[in-house]
Amino acid sequence: MTAFGTVFMPEMAISWFDGSRWSAAEIVPSDSLKLHPGAHVLHYSSTCFEGLKAFRHGDGSIKIFRMDKNLARFANSSRLLSLPEIDVAATEKMIIDIVRRFAEDVPEVPGSLYIRPTHIGTDPAIGKAAAPSVTSCQYVLLSPVGNYFSGNGDDGLRLLLEEDSMRCAPHMGMIKSGGNYASALGLILEAKKAHNVDQILFCPNGDVQETGAANFLLIDGDTLITKALDSTFLHGITRDSILTLAREMGMDVQERQLTIEELLERAARPDCEAALSGTAAVLTPVGTLLHRGKEHTVGTGKLGPTTAKLKKALNDLQWGHREDSHGWLTAV
């Protein structure tokens, strides 16, 4: 089975900022990118990206899910990293044009076409450790994908609760930047090797935040609990979508602090569920929490009915099986 995100369309959209204006977007081969070895991004991590999906509907149309929300986050990440300001309208056109070019390659559901806009600083200046890149490049890669967590079925993921470390620097958490993922990678690899877990759930000082690549949701009966938005963790668009759908189902959605103690106390209840949400992960069940050497089963340890219901509601909207009453879909 091909690993998620390892197959790419042969072309991508690209645009360059020369310090004063963005160039017209071009379609170029996606197998290479020419950069000076001293480019700012290679030394000082001036890079951010997005992840969104296009879906093939039953009538043959192609729809992109929540592109406006992704573009707003992309622009915000660029600002917070002091990268040149992106032209949101031009970036939207880049995305639509490249998806339209490869519309025939959008997989049938449950597959999708994963869209990866990326913005990087290109100044060839290794003396700019404390200064931003005034030139940059943005490009849009496409990758046909299936499930992110393959082979799990209804079995829940295993998470290690990490109290002593954060995924990234607190003021950087809401930025979708490569450095945030790199900073957590060593801890995640160590946890996988030592504890046979799928991911780490970062809980600095007992505050339940997020995993290395997804937001965390706790579902206890008709109550859904997740950390309130702040700068320390990623403001997930799938998270936002799931919370909106949960409220429409009459659930009590609580965005607030969640401690490890409360998490483990609720997890022991038979009808409790937990899940990871993200563009790639969609809504993936969590079955086991490992804390200080002890395993805690979340509910039944498998996909729960409410998680399944929320995931179906989201997929039905993305796949065109229900009305898009929120205006979340953009036609290509």
C-alpha atoms as a PDB file:
ATOM      1  CA  MET A   1       0.000   0.000   0.000  1.00  0.00           C
ATOM      2  CA  THR A   2       1.335   3.432  -0.952  1.00  0.00           C
ATOM      3  CA  ALA A   3       2.074   5.636   2.067  1.00  0.00           C
ATOM      4  CA  PHE A   4      -0.108   8.710   2.526  1.00  0.00           C
ATOM      5  CA  GLY A   5       1.225  11.737   0.655  1.00  0.00           C
ATOM      6  CA  THR A   6       4.014  10.007  -1.287  1.00  0.00           C
ATOM      7  CA  VAL A   7       2.406  10.141  -4.749  1.00  0.00           C
ATOM      8  CA  PHE A   8       2.274  13.531  -6.471  1.00  0.00           C
ATOM      9  CA  MET A   9       0.731  14.914  -9.588  1.00  0.00           C
ATOM     10  CA  PRO A  10       3.474  15.619 -12.184  1.00  0.00           C
ATOM     11  CA  GLU A  11       2.916  19.381 -12.138  1.00  0.00           C
ATOM     12  CA  MET A  12       2.377  22.089  -9.538  1.00  0.00           C
ATOM     13  CA  ALA A  13       1.413  25.759  -9.455  1.00  0.00           C
ATOM     14  CA  ILE A  14       4.129  28.214  -8.404  1.00  0.00           C
ATOM     15  CA  SER A  15       4.589  31.962  -7.871  1.00  0.00           C
ATOM     16  CA  TRP A  16       7.564  34.055  -6.713  1.00  0.00           C
ATOM     17  CA  PHE A  17       7.689  37.268  -4.649  1.00  0.00           C
ATOM     18  CA  ASP A  18      10.631  39.486  -5.668  1.00  0.00           C
ATOM     19  CA  GLY A  19      10.427  41.903  -2.746  1.00  0.00           C
ATOM     20  CA  SER A  20       7.738  44.122  -4.238  1.00  0.00           C
ATOM     21  CA  ARG A  21       5.242  41.964  -6.148  1.00  0.00           C
ATOM     22  CA  TRP A  22       4.116  38.424  -6.805  1.00  0.00           C
ATOM     23  CA  SER A  23       4.786  36.923 -10.235  1.00  0.00           C
ATOM     24  CA  ALA A  24       1.988  35.459 -12.308  1.00  0.00           C
ATOM     25  CA  ALA A  25       1.385  31.835 -11.346  1.00  0.00           C
ATOM     26  CA  GLU A  26       2.939  29.188 -13.558  1.00  0.00           C
ATOM     27  CA  ILE A  27       2.423  25.458 -13.964  1.00  0.00           C
ATOM     28  CA  VAL A  28       5.769  23.666 -13.692  1.00  0.00           C
ATOM     29  CA  PRO A  29       7.025  20.098 -13.093  1.00  0.00           C
ATOM     30  CA  SER A  30       6.585  19.118  -9.462  1.00  0.00           C
ATOM     31  CA  ASP A  31       9.690  16.951  -9.128  1.00  0.00           C
ATOM     32  CA  SER A  32      12.162  19.756  -8.444  1.00  0.00           C
ATOM     33  CA  LEU A  33      12.520  23.269  -7.059  1.00  0.00           C
ATOM     34  CA  LYS A  34      15.576  25.452  -7.645  1.00  0.00           C
ATOM     35  CA  LEU A  35      16.793  27.286  -4.530  1.00  0.00           C
ATOM     36  CA  HIS A  36      20.062  28.900  -3.537  1.00  0.00           C
ATOM     37  CA  PRO A  37      21.760  26.812  -0.814  1.00  0.00           C
ATOM     38  CA  GLY A  38      21.746  29.934   1.345  1.00  0.00           C
ATOM     39  CA  ALA A  39      17.986  30.395   1.045  1.00  0.00           C
ATOM     40  CA  HIS A  40      16.432  31.712   4.251  1.00  0.00           C
ATOM     41  CA  VAL A  41      14.062  28.743   4.545  1.00  0.00           C
ATOM     42  CA  LEU A  42      16.936  26.229   4.605  1.00  0.00           C
ATOM     43  CA  HIS A  43      18.669  27.945   7.522  1.00  0.00           C
ATOM     44  CA  TYR A  44      16.002  29.761   9.528  1.00  0.00           C
ATOM     45  CA  SER A  45      12.843  27.724   8.832  1.00  0.00           C
ATOM     46  CA  SER A  46      10.828  30.512   7.238  1.00  0.00           C
ATOM     47  CA  THR A  47       8.163  28.146   5.964  1.00  0.00           C
ATOM     48  CA  CYS A  48       4.486  27.441   6.426  1.00  0.00           C
ATOM     49  CA  PHE A  49       1.961  25.299   4.625  1.00  0.00           C
ATOM     50  CA  GLU A  50      -1.656  24.193   4.506  1.00  0.00           C
ATOM     51  CA  GLY A  51      -3.471  20.922   3.971  1.00  0.00           C
ATOM     52  CA  LEU A  52      -6.910  20.740   2.380  1.00  0.00           C
ATOM     53  CA  LYS A  53      -8.791  18.294   0.207  1.00  0.00           C
ATOM     54  CA  ALA A  54     -10.772  18.115  -3.012  1.00  0.00           C
ATOM     55  CA  PHE A  55     -13.496  15.466  -3.313  1.00  0.00           C
ATOM     56  CA  ARG A  56     -15.214  13.812  -6.262  1.00  0.00           C
ATOM     57  CA  HIS A  57     -19.007  13.900  -5.908  1.00  0.00           C
ATOM     58  CA  GLY A  58     -21.402  11.376  -7.358  1.00  0.00           C
ATOM     59  CA  ASP A  59     -22.370  13.705 -10.213  1.00  0.00           C
ATOM     60  CA  GLY A  60     -18.729  13.941 -11.289  1.00  0.00           C
ATOM     61  CA  SER A  61     -18.162  17.460  -9.913  1.00  0.00           C
ATOM     62  CA  ILE A  62     -15.059  18.295  -7.865  1.00  0.00           C
ATOM     63  CA  LYS A  63     -15.422  20.269  -4.632  1.00  0.00           C
ATOM     64  CA  ILE A  64     -12.733  21.709  -2.342  1.00  0.00           C
ATOM     65  CA  PHE A  65     -13.552  21.655   1.378  1.00  0.00           C
ATOM     66  CA  ARG A  66     -13.246  24.879   3.420  1.00  0.00           C
ATOM     67  CA  MET A  67     -10.653  26.543   1.219  1.00  0.00           C
ATOM     68  CA  ASP A  68     -11.450  29.998   2.600  1.00  0.00           C
ATOM     69  CA  LYS A  69     -10.628  28.881   6.130  1.00  0.00           C
ATOM     70  CA  ASN A  70      -7.357  27.279   5.029  1.00  0.00           C
ATOM     71  CA  LEU A  71      -6.344  30.390   3.092  1.00  0.00           C
ATOM     72  CA  ALA A  72      -7.032  32.600   6.111  1.00  0.00           C
ATOM     73  CA  ARG A  73      -4.817  30.380   8.271  1.00  0.00           C
ATOM     74  CA  PHE A  74      -2.149  30.293   5.528  1.00  0.00           C
ATOM     75  CA  ALA A  75      -2.090  34.095   5.404  1.00  0.00           C
ATOM     76  CA  ASN A  76      -1.934  34.307   9.198  1.00  0.00           C
ATOM     77  CA  SER A  77       0.932  31.804   9.403  1.00  0.00           C
ATOM     78  CA  SER A  78       2.842  33.831   6.810  1.00  0.00           C
ATOM     79  CA  ARG A  79       2.349  37.016   8.831  1.00  0.00           C
ATOM     80  CA  LEU A  80       3.387  35.408  12.121  1.00  0.00           C
ATOM     81  CA  LEU A  81       6.567  34.071  10.469  1.00  0.00           C
ATOM     82  CA  SER A  82       7.309  37.531   8.973  1.00  0.00           C
ATOM     83  CA  LEU A  83       7.142  36.130   5.463  1.00  0.00           C
ATOM     84  CA  PRO A  84       5.928  38.406   2.651  1.00  0.00           C
ATOM     85  CA  GLU A  85       2.155  38.806   2.679  1.00  0.00           C
ATOM     86  CA  ILE A  86       0.414  36.397   0.345  1.00  0.00           C
ATOM     87  CA  ASP A  87      -2.216  37.501  -2.174  1.00  0.00           C
ATOM     88  CA  VAL A  88      -5.148  35.408  -0.941  1.00  0.00           C
ATOM     89  CA  ALA A  89      -7.191  35.793  -4.128  1.00  0.00           C
ATOM     90  CA  ALA A  90      -4.213  34.828  -6.283  1.00  0.00           C
ATOM     91  CA  THR A  91      -3.450  31.822  -4.081  1.00  0.00           C
ATOM     92  CA  GLU A  92      -7.067  30.704  -4.298  1.00  0.00           C
ATOM     93  CA  LYS A  93      -6.870  30.896  -8.090  1.00  0.00           C
ATOM     94  CA  MET A  94      -3.622  28.891  -8.051  1.00  0.00           C
ATOM     95  CA  ILE A  95      -5.353  26.144  -6.073  1.00  0.00           C
ATOM     96  CA  ILE A  96      -8.466  26.047  -8.241  1.00  0.00           C
ATOM     97  CA  ASP A  97      -6.469  26.096 -11.476  1.00  0.00           C
ATOM     98  CA  ILE A  98      -4.122  23.248 -10.527  1.00  0.00           C
ATOM     99  CA  VAL A  99      -6.964  21.113  -9.127  1.00  0.00           C
ATOM    100  CA  ARG A 100      -8.974  21.736 -12.291  1.00  0.00           C
ATOM    101  CA  ARG A 101      -5.952  20.688 -14.364  1.00  0.00           C
ATOM    102  CA  PHE A 102      -5.877  17.311 -12.600  1.00  0.00           C
ATOM    103  CA  ALA A 103      -9.606  16.909 -12.001  1.00  0.00           C
ATOM    104  CA  GLU A 104      -9.601  13.515 -13.710  1.00  0.00           C
ATOM    105  CA  ASP A 105      -7.105  12.277 -11.120  1.00  0.00           C
ATOM    106  CA  VAL A 106      -9.247  13.077  -8.061  1.00  0.00           C
ATOM    107  CA  PRO A 107      -9.942   9.634  -6.515  1.00  0.00           C
ATOM    108  CA  GLU A 108     -13.406   8.296  -5.870  1.00  0.00           C
ATOM    109  CA  VAL A 109     -14.483   8.619  -2.224  1.00  0.00           C
ATOM    110  CA  PRO A 110     -13.392   7.696   0.386  1.00  0.00           C
ATOM    111  CA  GLY A 111     -10.199   8.874  -1.343  1.00  0.00           C
ATOM    112  CA  SER A 112      -9.491  12.529  -2.088  1.00  0.00           C
ATOM    113  CA  LEU A 113      -6.972  14.864  -3.662  1.00  0.00           C
ATOM    114  CA  TYR A 114      -4.799  16.329  -0.925  1.00  0.00           C
ATOM    115  CA  ILE A 115      -3.747  19.939  -1.617  1.00  0.00           C
ATOM    116  CA  ARG A 116      -0.547  21.330  -0.083  1.00  0.00           C
ATOM    117  CA  PRO A 117       0.027  25.101  -0.534  1.00  0.00           C
ATOM    118  CA  THR A 118       3.490  25.995   0.775  1.00  0.00           C
ATOM    119  CA  HIS A 119       5.206  29.355   1.378  1.00  0.00           C
ATOM    120  CA  ILE A 120       8.985  29.612   1.842  1.00  0.00           C
ATOM    121  CA  GLY A 121      11.524  32.398   2.342  1.00  0.00           C
ATOM    122  CA  THR A 122      14.041  32.481  -0.504  1.00  0.00           C
ATOM    123  CA  ASP A 123      16.536  35.263   0.382  1.00  0.00           C
ATOM    124  CA  PRO A 124      20.073  33.894  -0.203  1.00  0.00           C
ATOM    125  CA  ALA A 125      21.397  35.452   3.004  1.00  0.00           C
ATOM    126  CA  ILE A 126      22.796  33.362   5.852  1.00  0.00           C
ATOM    127  CA  GLY A 127      23.314  36.513   7.919  1.00  0.00           C
ATOM    128  CA  LYS A 128      19.583  36.943   8.413  1.00  0.00           C
ATOM    129  CA  ALA A 129      19.115  34.886  11.573  1.00  0.00           C
ATOM    130  CA  ALA A 130      17.348  37.861  13.142  1.00  0.00           C
ATOM    131  CA  ALA A 131      15.813  39.324   9.997  1.00  0.00           C
ATOM    132  CA  PRO A 132      13.002  38.146   7.695  1.00  0.00           C
ATOM    133  CA  SER A 133      13.265  37.031   4.103  1.00  0.00           C
ATOM    134  CA  VAL A 134      12.079  39.784   1.767  1.00  0.00           C
ATOM    135  CA  THR A 135      11.688  37.382  -1.152  1.00  0.00           C
ATOM    136  CA  SER A 136       9.686  34.184  -1.136  1.00  0.00           C
ATOM    137  CA  CYS A 137       8.012  31.477  -3.143  1.00  0.00           C
ATOM    138  CA  GLN A 138       4.676  29.761  -2.866  1.00  0.00           C
ATOM    139  CA  TYR A 139       3.657  26.591  -4.647  1.00  0.00           C
ATOM    140  CA  VAL A 140       0.748  24.153  -4.596  1.00  0.00           C
ATOM    141  CA  LEU A 141       1.384  20.396  -4.634  1.00  0.00           C
ATOM    142  CA  LEU A 142      -1.320  17.782  -5.231  1.00  0.00           C
ATOM    143  CA  SER A 143      -1.352  14.225  -3.911  1.00  0.00           C
ATOM    144  CA  PRO A 144      -4.133  11.625  -4.369  1.00  0.00           C
ATOM    145  CA  VAL A 145      -4.651   9.977  -0.970  1.00  0.00           C
ATOM    146  CA  GLY A 146      -6.622   7.434   1.002  1.00  0.00           C
ATOM    147  CA  ASN A 147      -6.634   6.997   4.790  1.00  0.00           C
ATOM    148  CA  TYR A 148      -3.897   8.642   6.878  1.00  0.00           C
ATOM    149  CA  PHE A 149      -3.970   6.015   9.626  1.00  0.00           C
ATOM    150  CA  SER A 150      -4.086   2.810   7.591  1.00  0.00           C
ATOM    151  CA  GLY A 151      -4.824  -0.621   8.976  1.00  0.00           C
ATOM    152  CA  ASN A 152      -6.506   0.454  12.225  1.00  0.00           C
ATOM    153  CA  GLY A 153     -10.110  -0.173  11.218  1.00  0.00           C
ATOM    154  CA  ASP A 154     -12.331   0.400  14.250  1.00  0.00           C
ATOM    155  CA  ASP A 155      -9.465  -0.093  16.702  1.00  0.00           C
ATOM    156  CA  GLY A 156      -8.472   3.026  18.581  1.00  0.00           C
ATOM    157  CA  LEU A 157      -5.019   4.577  18.459  1.00  0.00           C
ATOM    158  CA  ARG A 158      -2.576   4.323  21.354  1.00  0.00           C
ATOM    159  CA  LEU A 159      -1.407   7.675  22.753  1.00  0.00           C
ATOM    160  CA  LEU A 160       1.321   8.448  25.273  1.00  0.00           C
ATOM    161  CA  LEU A 161       0.441  11.324  27.598  1.00  0.00           C
ATOM    162  CA  GLU A 162       3.525  13.579  27.724  1.00  0.00           C
ATOM    163  CA  GLU A 163       3.558  16.015  30.670  1.00  0.00           C
ATOM    164  CA  ASP A 164       7.102  17.355  30.529  1.00  0.00           C
ATOM    165  CA  SER A 165       7.342  18.601  26.940  1.00  0.00           C
ATOM    166  CA  MET A 166       5.374  20.713  24.483  1.00  0.00           C
ATOM    167  CA  ARG A 167       4.933  20.027  20.798  1.00  0.00           C
ATOM    168  CA  CYS A 168       6.521  23.384  19.980  1.00  0.00           C
ATOM    169  CA  ALA A 169       7.239  26.817  21.416  1.00  0.00           C
ATOM    170  CA  PRO A 170       4.006  28.191  22.971  1.00  0.00           C
ATOM    171  CA  HIS A 171       3.835  31.299  20.762  1.00  0.00           C
ATOM    172  CA  MET A 172       4.294  29.180  17.612  1.00  0.00           C
ATOM    173  CA  GLY A 173       1.567  26.602  18.152  1.00  0.00           C
ATOM    174  CA  MET A 174      -1.098  28.190  15.952  1.00  0.00           C
ATOM    175  CA  ILE A 175       1.309  28.462  12.996  1.00  0.00           C
ATOM    176  CA  LYS A 176       1.274  25.560  10.537  1.00  0.00           C
ATOM    177  CA  SER A 177       5.037  25.516  10.133  1.00  0.00           C
ATOM    178  CA  GLY A 178       7.467  22.701   9.413  1.00  0.00           C
ATOM    179  CA  GLY A 179       9.566  23.584  12.446  1.00  0.00           C
ATOM    180  CA  ASN A 180       6.688  22.738  14.785  1.00  0.00           C
ATOM    181  CA  TYR A 181       6.489  19.212  13.418  1.00  0.00           C
ATOM    182  CA  ALA A 182      10.275  18.780  13.468  1.00  0.00           C
ATOM    183  CA  SER A 183      10.488  19.866  17.118  1.00  0.00           C
ATOM    184  CA  ALA A 184       8.151  17.050  18.167  1.00  0.00           C
ATOM    185  CA  LEU A 185       9.525  14.334  15.916  1.00  0.00           C
ATOM    186  CA  GLY A 186      12.289  13.054  18.186  1.00  0.00           C
ATOM    187  CA  LEU A 187       9.909  12.639  21.117  1.00  0.00           C
ATOM    188  CA  ILE A 188       7.338  10.878  18.933  1.00  0.00           C
ATOM    189  CA  LEU A 189       9.862   8.437  17.480  1.00  0.00           C
ATOM    190  CA  GLU A 190      11.223   7.660  20.945  1.00  0.00           C
ATOM    191  CA  ALA A 191       7.695   7.075  22.275  1.00  0.00           C
ATOM    192  CA  LYS A 192       6.817   4.760  19.393  1.00  0.00           C
ATOM    193  CA  LYS A 193       9.937   2.692  19.993  1.00  0.00           C
ATOM    194  CA  ALA A 194       9.766   2.596  23.784  1.00  0.00           C
ATOM    195  CA  HIS A 195       6.010   2.333  24.329  1.00  0.00           C
ATOM    196  CA  ASN A 196       4.525   0.997  21.063  1.00  0.00           C
ATOM    197  CA  VAL A 197       2.224   3.996  20.704  1.00  0.00           C
ATOM    198  CA  ASP A 198       0.891   5.677  17.571  1.00  0.00           C
ATOM    199  CA  GLN A 199       1.349   9.247  18.762  1.00  0.00           C
ATOM    200  CA  ILE A 200       2.089  11.498  21.715  1.00  0.00           C
ATOM    201  CA  LEU A 201      -0.667  13.577  23.286  1.00  0.00           C
ATOM    202  CA  PHE A 202       1.176  16.619  24.592  1.00  0.00           C
ATOM    203  CA  CYS A 203      -0.077  17.642  28.041  1.00  0.00           C
ATOM    204  CA  PRO A 204       2.458  20.133  29.452  1.00  0.00           C
ATOM    205  CA  ASN A 205       1.930  20.525  33.199  1.00  0.00           C
ATOM    206  CA  GLY A 206      -1.166  18.334  32.904  1.00  0.00           C
ATOM    207  CA  ASP A 207      -2.926  20.535  30.321  1.00  0.00           C
ATOM    208  CA  VAL A 208      -4.270  18.319  27.512  1.00  0.00           C
ATOM    209  CA  GLN A 209      -3.417  19.994  24.195  1.00  0.00           C
ATOM    210  CA  GLU A 210      -2.820  18.143  20.896  1.00  0.00           C
ATOM    211  CA  THR A 211      -0.814  15.336  19.352  1.00  0.00           C
ATOM    212  CA  GLY A 212       2.099  15.794  16.994  1.00  0.00           C
ATOM    213  CA  ALA A 213      -0.203  16.098  13.987  1.00  0.00           C
ATOM    214  CA  ALA A 214      -3.844  16.393  15.081  1.00  0.00           C
ATOM    215  CA  ASN A 215      -6.251  18.005  17.534  1.00  0.00           C
ATOM    216  CA  PHE A 216      -7.686  15.963  20.407  1.00  0.00           C
ATOM    217  CA  LEU A 217     -11.391  15.614  21.240  1.00  0.00           C
ATOM    218  CA  LEU A 218     -12.948  13.891  24.261  1.00  0.00           C
ATOM    219  CA  ILE A 219     -16.552  12.698  23.938  1.00  0.00           C
ATOM    220  CA  ASP A 220     -18.406  11.731  27.119  1.00  0.00           C
ATOM    221  CA  GLY A 221     -22.029  10.930  26.343  1.00  0.00           C
ATOM    222  CA  ASP A 222     -23.494  14.059  24.732  1.00  0.00           C
ATOM    223  CA  THR A 223     -20.586  16.238  25.943  1.00  0.00           C
ATOM    224  CA  LEU A 224     -17.626  17.059  23.710  1.00  0.00           C
ATOM    225  CA  ILE A 225     -14.570  18.635  25.376  1.00  0.00           C
ATOM    226  CA  THR A 226     -11.544  20.127  23.642  1.00  0.00           C
ATOM    227  CA  LYS A 227      -8.970  22.748  24.517  1.00  0.00           C
ATOM    228  CA  ALA A 228     -10.035  26.345  23.907  1.00  0.00           C
ATOM    229  CA  LEU A 229      -8.170  28.107  21.120  1.00  0.00           C
ATOM    230  CA  ASP A 230      -4.986  29.944  22.063  1.00  0.00           C
ATOM    231  CA  SER A 231      -1.538  30.442  20.546  1.00  0.00           C
ATOM    232  CA  THR A 232      -0.077  27.173  21.891  1.00  0.00           C
ATOM    233  CA  PHE A 233      -1.696  24.717  19.476  1.00  0.00           C
ATOM    234  CA  LEU A 234      -3.000  24.491  15.930  1.00  0.00           C
ATOM    235  CA  HIS A 235      -6.443  25.931  15.170  1.00  0.00           C
ATOM    236  CA  GLY A 236      -7.645  22.908  13.232  1.00  0.00           C
ATOM    237  CA  ILE A 237     -10.211  23.380  10.482  1.00  0.00           C
ATOM    238  CA  THR A 238     -11.466  19.816  10.817  1.00  0.00           C
ATOM    239  CA  ARG A 239     -11.753  20.503  14.552  1.00  0.00           C
ATOM    240  CA  ASP A 240     -13.858  23.589  13.836  1.00  0.00           C
ATOM    241  CA  SER A 241     -16.044  21.630  11.400  1.00  0.00           C
ATOM    242  CA  ILE A 242     -16.613  18.776  13.868  1.00  0.00           C
ATOM    243  CA  LEU A 243     -17.520  21.197  16.677  1.00  0.00           C
ATOM    244  CA  THR A 244     -20.025  22.932  14.399  1.00  0.00           C
ATOM    245  CA  LEU A 245     -21.653  19.623  13.442  1.00  0.00           C
ATOM    246  CA  ALA A 246     -21.677  18.459  17.076  1.00  0.00           C
ATOM    247  CA  ARG A 247     -23.519  21.601  18.161  1.00  0.00           C
ATOM    248  CA  GLU A 248     -26.066  21.048  15.392  1.00  0.00           C
ATOM    249  CA  MET A 249     -26.633  17.545  16.778  1.00  0.00           C
ATOM    250  CA  GLY A 250     -27.466  19.065  20.158  1.00  0.00           C
ATOM    251  CA  MET A 251     -24.218  18.105  21.864  1.00  0.00           C
ATOM    252  CA  ASP A 252     -22.794  20.175  24.705  1.00  0.00           C
ATOM    253  CA  VAL A 253     -19.526  21.415  23.146  1.00  0.00           C
ATOM    254  CA  GLN A 254     -17.083  22.707  25.755  1.00  0.00           C
ATOM    255  CA  GLU A 255     -13.933  24.509  24.614  1.00  0.00           C
ATOM    256  CA  ARG A 256     -11.933  24.743  27.811  1.00  0.00           C
ATOM    257  CA  GLN A 257      -8.964  23.448  29.739  1.00  0.00           C
ATOM    258  CA  LEU A 258      -8.911  19.679  30.153  1.00  0.00           C
ATOM    259  CA  THR A 259      -6.564  18.188  32.742  1.00  0.00           C
ATOM    260  CA  ILE A 260      -5.036  14.729  32.623  1.00  0.00           C
ATOM    261  CA  GLU A 261      -6.897  13.862  35.808  1.00  0.00           C
ATOM    262  CA  GLU A 262     -10.282  14.698  34.272  1.00  0.00           C
ATOM    263  CA  LEU A 263      -9.357  12.979  31.030  1.00  0.00           C
ATOM    264  CA  LEU A 264      -8.469   9.685  32.729  1.00  0.00           C
ATOM    265  CA  GLU A 265     -11.485   9.853  35.047  1.00  0.00           C
ATOM    266  CA  ARG A 266     -13.878  10.307  32.112  1.00  0.00           C
ATOM    267  CA  ALA A 267     -12.023   7.807  29.902  1.00  0.00           C
ATOM    268  CA  ALA A 268     -12.829   5.012  32.357  1.00  0.00           C
ATOM    269  CA  ARG A 269     -16.556   5.411  31.714  1.00  0.00           C
ATOM    270  CA  PRO A 270     -17.975   2.780  29.330  1.00  0.00           C
ATOM    271  CA  ASP A 271     -19.612   5.282  26.970  1.00  0.00           C
ATOM    272  CA  CYS A 272     -16.595   7.612  26.761  1.00  0.00           C
ATOM    273  CA  GLU A 273     -14.847   8.147  23.429  1.00  0.00           C
ATOM    274  CA  ALA A 274     -11.815  10.079  22.240  1.00  0.00           C
ATOM    275  CA  ALA A 275     -10.640  11.006  18.769  1.00  0.00           C
ATOM    276  CA  LEU A 276      -8.011  12.876  16.781  1.00  0.00           C
ATOM    277  CA  SER A 277      -9.205  15.378  14.179  1.00  0.00           C
ATOM    278  CA  GLY A 278      -7.320  16.754  11.203  1.00  0.00           C
ATOM    279  CA  THR A 279      -7.468  17.153   7.437  1.00  0.00           C
ATOM    280  CA  ALA A 280      -5.425  13.987   6.970  1.00  0.00           C
ATOM    281  CA  ALA A 281      -6.672  12.075  10.024  1.00  0.00           C
ATOM    282  CA  VAL A 282     -10.325  13.206   9.530  1.00  0.00           C
ATOM    283  CA  LEU A 283     -11.705  11.797  12.812  1.00  0.00           C
ATOM    284  CA  THR A 284      -9.737   8.812  14.089  1.00  0.00           C
ATOM    285  CA  PRO A 285     -10.684   6.990  17.318  1.00  0.00           C
ATOM    286  CA  VAL A 286      -8.349   6.831  20.307  1.00  0.00           C
ATOM    287  CA  GLY A 287      -8.545   3.577  22.262  1.00  0.00           C
ATOM    288  CA  THR A 288      -5.703   3.629  24.780  1.00  0.00           C
ATOM    289  CA  LEU A 289      -3.949   6.267  26.856  1.00  0.00           C
ATOM    290  CA  LEU A 290      -0.568   5.450  28.386  1.00  0.00           C
ATOM    291  CA  HIS A 291       0.252   7.513  31.469  1.00  0.00           C
ATOM    292  CA  ARG A 292       3.210   6.967  33.783  1.00  0.00           C
ATOM    293  CA  GLY A 293       3.566   3.344  32.726  1.00  0.00           C
ATOM    294  CA  LYS A 294      -0.107   2.467  33.104  1.00  0.00           C
ATOM    295  CA  GLU A 295      -2.528   1.818  30.253  1.00  0.00           C
ATOM    296  CA  HIS A 296      -6.006   3.341  30.378  1.00  0.00           C
ATOM    297  CA  THR A 297      -8.652   2.111  27.947  1.00  0.00           C
ATOM    298  CA  VAL A 298     -10.940   4.823  26.590  1.00  0.00           C
ATOM    299  CA  GLY A 299     -14.476   3.438  26.777  1.00  0.00           C
ATOM    300  CA  THR A 300     -14.482   0.198  24.797  1.00  0.00           C
ATOM    301  CA  GLY A 301     -11.117   0.943  23.222  1.00  0.00           C
ATOM    302  CA  LYS A 302     -12.667   1.001  19.763  1.00  0.00           C
ATOM    303  CA  LEU A 303     -14.532   3.357  17.464  1.00  0.00           C
ATOM    304  CA  GLY A 304     -17.510   4.665  19.418  1.00  0.00           C
ATOM    305  CA  PRO A 305     -20.981   5.494  18.060  1.00  0.00           C
ATOM    306  CA  THR A 306     -20.710   9.262  18.509  1.00  0.00           C
ATOM    307  CA  THR A 307     -17.298   9.440  16.844  1.00  0.00           C
ATOM    308  CA  ALA A 308     -18.685   7.364  13.974  1.00  0.00           C
ATOM    309  CA  LYS A 309     -21.744   9.610  13.728  1.00  0.00           C
ATOM    310  CA  LEU A 310     -19.673  12.807  13.648  1.00  0.00           C
ATOM    311  CA  LYS A 311     -17.256  11.391  11.079  1.00  0.00           C
ATOM    312  CA  LYS A 312     -20.154  10.276   8.880  1.00  0.00           C
ATOM    313  CA  ALA A 313     -21.759  13.726   9.113  1.00  0.00           C
ATOM    314  CA  LEU A 314     -18.498  15.352   8.041  1.00  0.00           C
ATOM    315  CA  ASN A 315     -17.841  12.855   5.239  1.00  0.00           C
ATOM    316  CA  ASP A 316     -21.422  13.089   3.972  1.00  0.00           C
ATOM    317  CA  LEU A 317     -21.001  16.834   3.593  1.00  0.00           C
ATOM    318  CA  GLN A 318     -17.561  16.554   1.990  1.00  0.00           C
ATOM    319  CA  TRP A 319     -18.717  13.801  -0.377  1.00  0.00           C
ATOM    320  CA  GLY A 320     -21.939  15.540  -1.436  1.00  0.00           C
ATOM    321  CA  HIS A 321     -24.264  13.114   0.336  1.00  0.00           C
ATOM    322  CA  ARG A 322     -25.960  15.922   2.289  1.00  0.00           C
ATOM    323  CA  GLU A 323     -26.694  19.577   1.673  1.00  0.00           C
ATOM    324  CA  ASP A 324     -23.837  22.006   2.239  1.00  0.00           C
ATOM    325  CA  SER A 325     -25.791  24.440   4.378  1.00  0.00           C
ATOM    326  CA  HIS A 326     -22.588  26.146   5.582  1.00  0.00           C
ATOM    327  CA  GLY A 327     -21.106  27.049   2.206  1.00  0.00           C
ATOM    328  CA  TRP A 328     -18.022  24.969   2.995  1.00  0.00           C
ATOM    329  CA  LEU A 329     -17.567  23.540  -0.514  1.00  0.00           C
ATOM    330  CA  THR A 330     -15.984  25.366  -3.451  1.00  0.00           C
ATOM    331  CA  ALA A 331     -16.671  24.073  -6.944  1.00  0.00           C
ATOM    332  CA  VAL A 332     -13.705  23.590  -9.255  1.00  0.00           C
END
